[in-house]
Amino acid sequence: MTASTRGVRMGDVLRLSRAPVEIDPDKEYVALGMRSFGKGVIRYAPAKGSDLTKLRHFSFDENALALSNIKAWEGAIAVTSQEDVGAVASSRFLFYVPKGDGVDVRYLRYYFLSARGLAQIGQASPGSVDRNRTLSMKAFESIVVPLPDVMEQRRVADKIDALMAAHTHTTGSVPQRDSVRQLAVSGLERVLSRWAEGTVRVDQVCVSVNDIVHPGDDSGEAKEFVGLEHIAPHFGERIGSRPLGDEKGRKFRFAPGDVLYGYLRPYLNKVWLADQHGLCSVEQYVLRPNGVMPAELIAAGLRSKSILDRVLEATHNLQLPRLRSGLLMAMELPAIPPQHHERAIADITAFSQRVTALAARQRHRDELLAALRPAVLDAAFSGRL
């Protein structure tokens, strides 16, 4: 900010600019929508007027400050482009253009997406329930914004534009989480294949255990509950648990060395080798190795790509996918002979550690990228950009 910064009421520098459109039921229109969190506008596929919402519709200008009056408090704020002109927007959207040449609407958009500006929008959007948080024209036009001269506005907006473009490019060019998950599954398959000699059915290396505990029963050595929400998809890791107490509904008891397999929504590939006594949900199978093959190799095989592919094939047509125990127990795992057990486990452990470390670095990277946008806006509107 500069010494020339002054508090300016939005209604003094902006005017509402939208023109009513008479919707023809038989004509096609492109409707405009808006994403929250500063992610810009949406241009929907052409649709007949009869398929549009029954609200009134308007046309609007290029380079207008656009706000969703029901989601502005959540950052549904954008600047319209040439590509947007020609679309129609419902009465849920407000479009403002400068009254003179002293305002850069890009600057105002970024300001209202900053913590300070978004707080002002929130205060002007009263209500405790999301659908009642409506920003009126009067409320918006009453907001006072610290506004520097237009040259400074343009300098700041240009700088933020460049930084946001670099952020978008970086975000789009780095590996996404799905790619690391795919690596965890396909890489595990390759590690197992180094040692495998044929295949073996799941029911030849373990049994399904239904040790049911009802509310009020003695839970034995179990101290914690580990449900599907506590197992990381694809990585075979436990990411949480909760202490036992006031359990509702029946549970399965498991012991160290058991393999827990989530059969509800099995595409999430939630498999965990238990290292403790505990209780789990009845949406998980408890598989107990019979000594033919170590639990580590069974758990790895159940998480591998070949098993996941078969699971997806067996459940993809189901509205709420569930894998029947008979199908799981009949599936075939890589058969690793006893002389290779130790080295195969060592390979799987090393691979899993590398993939887990990569996933942790990716999460950290994503957190940094997510923090960059608000950090840039904070710097811009505190005079540090």
Protein backbone atom coordinates (compact mmCIF):
# COMPACT_ATOMS: atom_id res chain seq x y z
CA MET A 1 0.00 0.00 0.00
CA THR A 2 1.02 3.58 -0.53
CA ALA A 3 0.48 6.85 1.27
CA SER A 4 -2.27 7.67 -1.24
CA THR A 5 -4.39 4.70 -0.16
CA ARG A 6 -7.84 5.80 0.97
CA GLY A 7 -11.00 4.10 2.15
CA VAL A 8 -13.49 3.93 -0.72
CA ARG A 9 -17.10 2.81 -0.62
CA MET A 10 -17.79 0.29 -3.38
CA GLY A 11 -21.00 2.00 -4.41
CA ASP A 12 -19.02 5.18 -5.10
CA VAL A 13 -16.66 3.60 -7.63
CA LEU A 14 -18.66 0.66 -9.06
CA ARG A 15 -22.07 0.37 -10.68
CA LEU A 16 -24.24 -2.67 -11.21
CA SER A 17 -24.17 -3.62 -14.91
CA ARG A 18 -26.44 -6.38 -16.13
CA ALA A 19 -29.25 -6.37 -18.68
CA PRO A 20 -32.41 -8.51 -18.48
CA VAL A 21 -32.69 -11.29 -21.04
CA GLU A 22 -36.04 -12.63 -22.17
CA ILE A 23 -35.47 -16.37 -22.22
CA ASP A 24 -36.89 -18.19 -25.26
CA PRO A 25 -37.80 -21.77 -24.20
CA ASP A 26 -36.74 -23.15 -27.59
CA LYS A 27 -33.46 -21.27 -27.94
CA GLU A 28 -30.12 -22.54 -26.62
CA TYR A 29 -28.19 -20.57 -24.03
CA VAL A 30 -24.84 -20.93 -22.28
CA ALA A 31 -25.44 -20.38 -18.57
CA LEU A 32 -22.76 -18.90 -16.35
CA GLY A 33 -21.92 -20.38 -12.98
CA MET A 34 -19.18 -19.68 -10.48
CA ARG A 35 -16.81 -21.75 -8.40
CA SER A 36 -16.07 -20.97 -4.77
CA PHE A 37 -12.60 -20.27 -3.34
CA GLY A 38 -11.59 -17.92 -6.17
CA LYS A 39 -11.58 -20.65 -8.81
CA GLY A 40 -13.38 -18.58 -11.44
CA VAL A 41 -16.47 -18.89 -13.58
CA ILE A 42 -18.11 -21.94 -15.13
CA ARG A 43 -19.58 -21.88 -18.63
CA TYR A 44 -22.10 -24.70 -18.81
CA ALA A 45 -22.86 -26.64 -21.97
CA PRO A 46 -25.56 -25.05 -24.16
CA ALA A 47 -29.08 -25.87 -23.00
CA LYS A 48 -32.55 -24.92 -24.07
CA GLY A 49 -34.20 -22.02 -22.29
CA SER A 50 -36.85 -24.39 -20.99
CA ASP A 51 -34.12 -26.25 -19.09
CA LEU A 52 -32.73 -23.17 -17.33
CA THR A 53 -33.64 -22.21 -13.79
CA LYS A 54 -36.89 -20.25 -13.50
CA LEU A 55 -35.04 -17.26 -12.02
CA ARG A 56 -34.64 -14.11 -14.11
CA HIS A 57 -31.60 -14.05 -16.36
CA PHE A 58 -29.23 -11.29 -17.42
CA SER A 59 -26.43 -10.55 -19.85
CA PHE A 60 -23.25 -8.85 -18.64
CA ASP A 61 -20.08 -7.12 -19.79
CA GLU A 62 -16.47 -8.19 -20.15
CA ASN A 63 -14.11 -7.16 -17.34
CA ALA A 64 -16.88 -6.99 -14.75
CA LEU A 65 -16.44 -7.90 -11.10
CA ALA A 66 -18.78 -10.89 -10.71
CA LEU A 67 -20.09 -12.12 -7.37
CA SER A 68 -22.42 -14.98 -6.51
CA ASN A 69 -24.78 -13.42 -4.01
CA ILE A 70 -25.23 -16.74 -2.18
CA LYS A 71 -21.61 -17.91 -2.22
CA ALA A 72 -19.55 -14.71 -2.28
CA TRP A 73 -18.73 -15.29 1.39
CA GLU A 74 -17.04 -18.52 0.23
CA GLY A 75 -14.96 -16.81 -2.44
CA ALA A 76 -17.28 -17.16 -5.46
CA ILE A 77 -15.87 -13.95 -6.91
CA ALA A 78 -14.40 -13.54 -10.40
CA VAL A 79 -13.71 -11.14 -13.26
CA THR A 80 -15.54 -11.84 -16.52
CA SER A 81 -13.56 -12.34 -19.75
CA GLN A 82 -14.38 -11.97 -23.43
CA GLU A 83 -15.13 -15.71 -23.54
CA ASP A 84 -17.87 -15.24 -20.93
CA VAL A 85 -19.72 -12.51 -22.83
CA GLY A 86 -22.77 -13.94 -24.60
CA ALA A 87 -23.61 -16.28 -21.74
CA VAL A 88 -26.54 -15.59 -19.43
CA ALA A 89 -26.49 -15.46 -15.65
CA SER A 90 -29.33 -15.82 -13.19
CA SER A 91 -30.33 -13.17 -10.69
CA ARG A 92 -28.06 -14.95 -8.21
CA PHE A 93 -25.08 -13.16 -9.77
CA LEU A 94 -24.07 -9.52 -9.43
CA PHE A 95 -21.89 -7.81 -12.05
CA TYR A 96 -20.12 -4.53 -11.35
CA VAL A 97 -18.07 -2.30 -13.65
CA PRO A 98 -16.07 0.85 -12.74
CA LYS A 99 -17.85 4.19 -12.83
CA GLY A 100 -14.65 5.83 -14.02
CA ASP A 101 -11.05 4.98 -14.80
CA GLY A 102 -9.86 4.92 -11.20
CA VAL A 103 -10.55 1.24 -10.50
CA ASP A 104 -8.98 -2.02 -11.69
CA VAL A 105 -11.56 -4.75 -11.04
CA ARG A 106 -8.80 -7.39 -10.93
CA TYR A 107 -7.40 -5.62 -7.88
CA LEU A 108 -10.82 -5.62 -6.20
CA ARG A 109 -11.32 -9.31 -6.96
CA TYR A 110 -7.99 -10.21 -5.36
CA TYR A 111 -8.74 -7.95 -2.42
CA PHE A 112 -12.08 -9.64 -1.76
CA LEU A 113 -10.39 -13.05 -1.97
CA SER A 114 -7.87 -12.03 0.70
CA ALA A 115 -8.56 -12.79 4.35
CA ARG A 116 -9.46 -9.18 5.10
CA GLY A 117 -11.69 -8.70 2.06
CA LEU A 118 -13.42 -12.06 2.47
CA ALA A 119 -14.18 -11.17 6.08
CA GLN A 120 -15.91 -7.99 4.89
CA ILE A 121 -17.94 -9.99 2.36
CA GLY A 122 -18.85 -12.42 5.14
CA GLN A 123 -20.03 -9.61 7.41
CA ALA A 124 -22.18 -8.31 4.55
CA SER A 125 -23.69 -11.80 4.03
CA PRO A 126 -25.65 -12.41 7.24
CA GLY A 127 -27.15 -15.72 8.23
CA SER A 128 -26.03 -18.86 10.02
CA VAL A 129 -27.16 -21.38 7.43
CA ASP A 130 -25.32 -21.53 4.10
CA ARG A 131 -28.38 -21.04 1.93
CA ASN A 132 -29.39 -17.95 3.90
CA ARG A 133 -26.01 -16.19 3.61
CA THR A 134 -27.00 -13.75 0.90
CA LEU A 135 -25.00 -10.74 -0.21
CA SER A 136 -27.35 -7.95 -1.27
CA MET A 137 -26.44 -5.16 -3.68
CA LYS A 138 -26.91 -2.63 -0.89
CA ALA A 139 -24.64 -4.56 1.48
CA PHE A 140 -21.92 -4.95 -1.13
CA GLU A 141 -22.04 -1.33 -2.21
CA SER A 142 -21.67 -0.26 1.44
CA ILE A 143 -18.34 -2.10 1.89
CA VAL A 144 -15.38 0.25 2.30
CA VAL A 145 -12.11 -0.89 0.72
CA PRO A 146 -8.64 0.67 1.18
CA LEU A 147 -7.88 1.67 -2.41
CA PRO A 148 -4.56 3.03 -3.73
CA ASP A 149 -4.30 4.97 -6.99
CA VAL A 150 -5.13 3.05 -10.15
CA MET A 151 -1.48 2.69 -11.24
CA GLU A 152 -0.67 0.95 -7.96
CA GLN A 153 -3.77 -1.21 -8.33
CA ARG A 154 -2.59 -2.32 -11.76
CA ARG A 155 0.93 -3.00 -10.54
CA VAL A 156 -0.34 -5.20 -7.71
CA ALA A 157 -2.91 -6.96 -9.92
CA ASP A 158 -0.29 -7.64 -12.62
CA LYS A 159 2.08 -9.09 -10.02
CA ILE A 160 -0.62 -11.30 -8.53
CA ASP A 161 -1.72 -12.41 -12.03
CA ALA A 162 1.85 -13.52 -12.77
CA LEU A 163 2.24 -15.33 -9.45
CA MET A 164 -1.14 -17.06 -9.76
CA ALA A 165 -0.33 -18.15 -13.33
CA ALA A 166 2.96 -19.64 -12.11
CA HIS A 167 1.07 -21.34 -9.26
CA THR A 168 -1.46 -22.85 -11.70
CA HIS A 169 1.32 -24.05 -14.00
CA THR A 170 3.23 -25.60 -11.11
CA THR A 171 0.15 -27.29 -9.70
CA GLY A 172 -0.73 -28.71 -13.09
CA SER A 173 2.76 -30.00 -13.88
CA VAL A 174 3.56 -31.92 -10.69
CA PRO A 175 2.48 -35.54 -10.11
CA GLN A 176 -0.93 -35.83 -8.49
CA ARG A 177 -1.85 -38.04 -5.56
CA ASP A 178 -3.53 -40.59 -7.80
CA SER A 179 -0.24 -41.23 -9.58
CA VAL A 180 1.49 -42.09 -6.29
CA ARG A 181 -1.37 -44.41 -5.35
CA GLN A 182 -1.09 -46.10 -8.72
CA LEU A 183 2.63 -46.51 -8.12
CA ALA A 184 1.94 -48.08 -4.73
CA VAL A 185 -0.32 -50.69 -6.34
CA SER A 186 1.52 -51.43 -9.60
CA GLY A 187 4.97 -51.24 -7.99
CA LEU A 188 3.92 -53.73 -5.36
CA GLU A 189 2.82 -56.07 -8.14
CA ARG A 190 6.28 -55.89 -9.73
CA VAL A 191 8.05 -56.56 -6.43
CA LEU A 192 5.92 -59.63 -5.77
CA SER A 193 6.44 -60.93 -9.30
CA ARG A 194 10.22 -61.11 -8.71
CA TRP A 195 9.71 -63.92 -6.21
CA ALA A 196 6.46 -65.54 -7.26
CA GLU A 197 6.20 -69.01 -8.73
CA GLY A 198 2.63 -69.36 -9.89
CA THR A 199 -0.42 -68.40 -7.86
CA VAL A 200 -2.29 -69.55 -4.77
CA ARG A 201 -5.90 -69.01 -3.75
CA VAL A 202 -6.58 -66.73 -0.80
CA ASP A 203 -8.43 -69.54 1.01
CA GLN A 204 -5.32 -71.73 0.72
CA VAL A 205 -3.19 -69.35 2.78
CA CYS A 206 -5.66 -67.95 5.33
CA VAL A 207 -9.09 -68.37 6.88
CA SER A 208 -11.82 -65.82 7.46
CA VAL A 209 -12.38 -65.28 11.19
CA ASN A 210 -15.74 -64.07 12.50
CA ASP A 211 -14.98 -63.46 16.17
CA ILE A 212 -18.01 -61.28 16.92
CA VAL A 213 -18.16 -58.93 19.91
CA HIS A 214 -21.55 -57.46 20.81
CA PRO A 215 -22.04 -54.26 22.85
CA GLY A 216 -21.36 -55.04 26.49
CA ASP A 217 -19.29 -58.16 25.73
CA ASP A 218 -15.79 -58.56 27.10
CA SER A 219 -13.45 -57.21 24.42
CA GLY A 220 -10.53 -59.25 25.73
CA GLU A 221 -7.11 -57.80 24.92
CA ALA A 222 -8.59 -55.28 22.48
CA LYS A 223 -8.17 -51.65 23.57
CA GLU A 224 -8.85 -49.79 20.30
CA PHE A 225 -11.28 -49.77 17.39
CA VAL A 226 -9.81 -49.67 13.88
CA GLY A 227 -12.45 -49.00 11.25
CA LEU A 228 -12.29 -48.41 7.53
CA GLU A 229 -11.78 -44.71 8.19
CA HIS A 230 -8.55 -45.55 9.98
CA ILE A 231 -6.91 -47.36 7.04
CA ALA A 232 -5.12 -45.46 4.26
CA PRO A 233 -6.26 -46.45 0.74
CA HIS A 234 -3.65 -48.41 -1.24
CA PHE A 235 -0.75 -47.96 1.21
CA GLY A 236 -1.58 -50.63 3.79
CA GLU A 237 -1.14 -48.18 6.66
CA ARG A 238 -3.20 -47.53 9.76
CA ILE A 239 -3.71 -43.76 10.02
CA GLY A 240 -5.75 -43.68 13.20
CA SER A 241 -7.93 -45.51 15.73
CA ARG A 242 -10.20 -44.71 18.64
CA PRO A 243 -10.35 -46.04 22.19
CA LEU A 244 -13.05 -48.58 22.93
CA GLY A 245 -16.06 -47.40 24.88
CA ASP A 246 -19.81 -47.24 24.39
CA GLU A 247 -19.60 -49.40 21.27
CA LYS A 248 -22.75 -49.59 19.20
CA GLY A 249 -23.48 -52.60 17.05
CA ARG A 250 -21.47 -55.77 16.66
CA LYS A 251 -17.76 -55.72 15.88
CA PHE A 252 -15.12 -58.23 14.82
CA ARG A 253 -12.17 -58.98 17.07
CA PHE A 254 -8.73 -59.20 15.50
CA ALA A 255 -5.24 -60.12 16.73
CA PRO A 256 -1.65 -59.27 15.75
CA GLY A 257 -0.80 -60.93 12.44
CA ASP A 258 -4.37 -60.85 11.11
CA VAL A 259 -5.01 -59.13 7.78
CA LEU A 260 -7.97 -56.74 7.71
CA TYR A 261 -9.61 -56.32 4.30
CA GLY A 262 -12.25 -53.65 3.71
CA TYR A 263 -14.98 -55.20 1.58
CA LEU A 264 -17.27 -52.15 1.55
CA ARG A 265 -16.22 -49.93 -1.37
CA PRO A 266 -13.31 -52.31 -2.04
CA TYR A 267 -12.02 -50.02 -4.81
CA LEU A 268 -10.48 -47.99 -1.98
CA ASN A 269 -8.11 -50.93 -1.44
CA LYS A 270 -8.03 -50.68 2.35
CA VAL A 271 -5.89 -53.56 3.57
CA TRP A 272 -3.97 -53.58 6.85
CA LEU A 273 -1.72 -56.11 8.57
CA ALA A 274 -2.64 -55.82 12.25
CA ASP A 275 0.16 -55.32 14.77
CA GLN A 276 -2.12 -55.24 17.83
CA HIS A 277 -5.28 -56.65 19.34
CA GLY A 278 -8.40 -54.66 18.55
CA LEU A 279 -11.94 -54.48 17.22
CA CYS A 280 -12.92 -53.56 13.67
CA SER A 281 -16.16 -52.96 11.82
CA VAL A 282 -18.16 -55.77 10.25
CA GLU A 283 -17.44 -54.08 6.90
CA GLN A 284 -13.95 -55.60 7.12
CA TYR A 285 -12.95 -59.22 6.72
CA VAL A 286 -10.53 -60.55 9.31
CA LEU A 287 -8.20 -62.98 7.54
CA ARG A 288 -5.91 -65.19 9.65
CA PRO A 289 -2.88 -66.77 7.93
CA ASN A 290 -2.67 -70.56 8.25
CA GLY A 291 1.14 -70.74 8.07
CA VAL A 292 1.48 -71.52 4.36
CA MET A 293 2.61 -67.98 3.57
CA PRO A 294 3.59 -65.08 5.88
CA ALA A 295 0.98 -62.43 6.65
CA GLU A 296 3.20 -59.72 5.12
CA LEU A 297 3.05 -61.44 1.72
CA ILE A 298 -0.70 -62.07 1.96
CA ALA A 299 -1.43 -58.44 2.81
CA ALA A 300 0.83 -57.23 0.00
CA GLY A 301 -0.79 -59.58 -2.49
CA LEU A 302 -4.27 -58.39 -1.51
CA ARG A 303 -3.23 -54.78 -2.17
CA SER A 304 -1.54 -55.53 -5.49
CA LYS A 305 -2.82 -54.45 -8.89
CA SER A 306 -3.96 -57.88 -10.07
CA ILE A 307 -6.27 -58.34 -7.08
CA LEU A 308 -7.54 -54.75 -7.26
CA ASP A 309 -8.33 -55.17 -10.97
CA ARG A 310 -10.36 -58.31 -10.25
CA VAL A 311 -12.16 -56.59 -7.39
CA LEU A 312 -13.10 -53.66 -9.62
CA GLU A 313 -14.35 -56.01 -12.30
CA ALA A 314 -16.49 -57.91 -9.79
CA THR A 315 -18.07 -54.84 -8.15
CA HIS A 316 -18.13 -51.99 -10.69
CA ASN A 317 -21.83 -52.46 -11.54
CA LEU A 318 -22.96 -52.26 -7.91
CA GLN A 319 -24.48 -49.02 -6.58
CA LEU A 320 -22.85 -49.63 -3.19
CA PRO A 321 -19.89 -51.89 -3.99
CA ARG A 322 -19.37 -54.81 -1.61
CA LEU A 323 -17.10 -57.76 -2.27
CA ARG A 324 -18.56 -61.10 -1.20
CA SER A 325 -16.26 -63.23 0.93
CA GLY A 326 -16.54 -66.15 -1.48
CA LEU A 327 -15.20 -64.05 -4.33
CA LEU A 328 -12.31 -62.75 -2.24
CA MET A 329 -11.31 -66.16 -0.91
CA ALA A 330 -11.31 -67.60 -4.44
CA MET A 331 -8.98 -64.94 -5.82
CA GLU A 332 -5.38 -65.84 -6.57
CA LEU A 333 -2.32 -64.28 -4.98
CA PRO A 334 1.28 -64.53 -6.14
CA ALA A 335 2.62 -67.79 -4.70
CA ILE A 336 6.04 -67.21 -3.14
CA PRO A 337 7.91 -70.36 -2.08
CA PRO A 338 9.31 -70.62 1.49
CA GLN A 339 12.94 -70.18 0.44
CA HIS A 340 12.09 -66.70 -0.87
CA HIS A 341 9.83 -65.51 1.97
CA GLU A 342 12.44 -63.56 3.90
CA ARG A 343 13.92 -61.73 0.91
CA ALA A 344 10.47 -61.00 -0.56
CA ILE A 345 9.31 -59.46 2.72
CA ALA A 346 12.47 -57.35 2.85
CA ASP A 347 11.84 -56.10 -0.69
CA ILE A 348 8.19 -55.30 0.03
CA THR A 349 9.12 -53.47 3.24
CA ALA A 350 11.76 -51.37 1.46
CA PHE A 351 9.38 -50.56 -1.41
CA SER A 352 6.54 -49.62 0.96
CA GLN A 353 8.82 -47.33 2.94
CA ARG A 354 9.90 -45.52 -0.22
CA VAL A 355 6.36 -45.08 -1.49
CA THR A 356 5.13 -43.92 1.92
CA ALA A 357 7.94 -41.35 2.09
CA LEU A 358 7.07 -40.15 -1.42
CA ALA A 359 3.40 -39.79 -0.43
CA ALA A 360 4.40 -37.79 2.67
CA ARG A 361 6.54 -35.44 0.56
CA GLN A 362 3.67 -35.03 -1.87
CA ARG A 363 1.27 -34.14 0.95
CA HIS A 364 3.76 -31.58 2.21
CA ARG A 365 4.13 -30.16 -1.30
CA ASP A 366 0.35 -29.92 -1.68
CA GLU A 367 0.09 -28.10 1.64
CA LEU A 368 2.72 -25.60 0.54
CA LEU A 369 1.00 -25.03 -2.80
CA ALA A 370 -2.36 -24.58 -1.07
CA ALA A 371 -0.81 -22.03 1.31
CA LEU A 372 0.79 -20.03 -1.51
CA ARG A 373 -2.37 -18.31 -2.78
CA PRO A 374 -3.46 -16.86 0.59
CA ALA A 375 0.18 -15.94 1.34
CA VAL A 376 0.43 -13.97 -1.92
CA LEU A 377 -2.84 -12.15 -1.23
CA ASP A 378 -1.80 -11.39 2.35
CA ALA A 379 1.48 -9.95 1.09
CA ALA A 380 -0.27 -7.92 -1.61
CA PHE A 381 -2.71 -6.22 0.74
CA SER A 382 -0.29 -5.62 3.57
CA GLY A 383 2.17 -3.66 1.39
CA ARG A 384 4.73 -6.44 0.94
CA LEU A 385 4.29 -7.21 -2.76
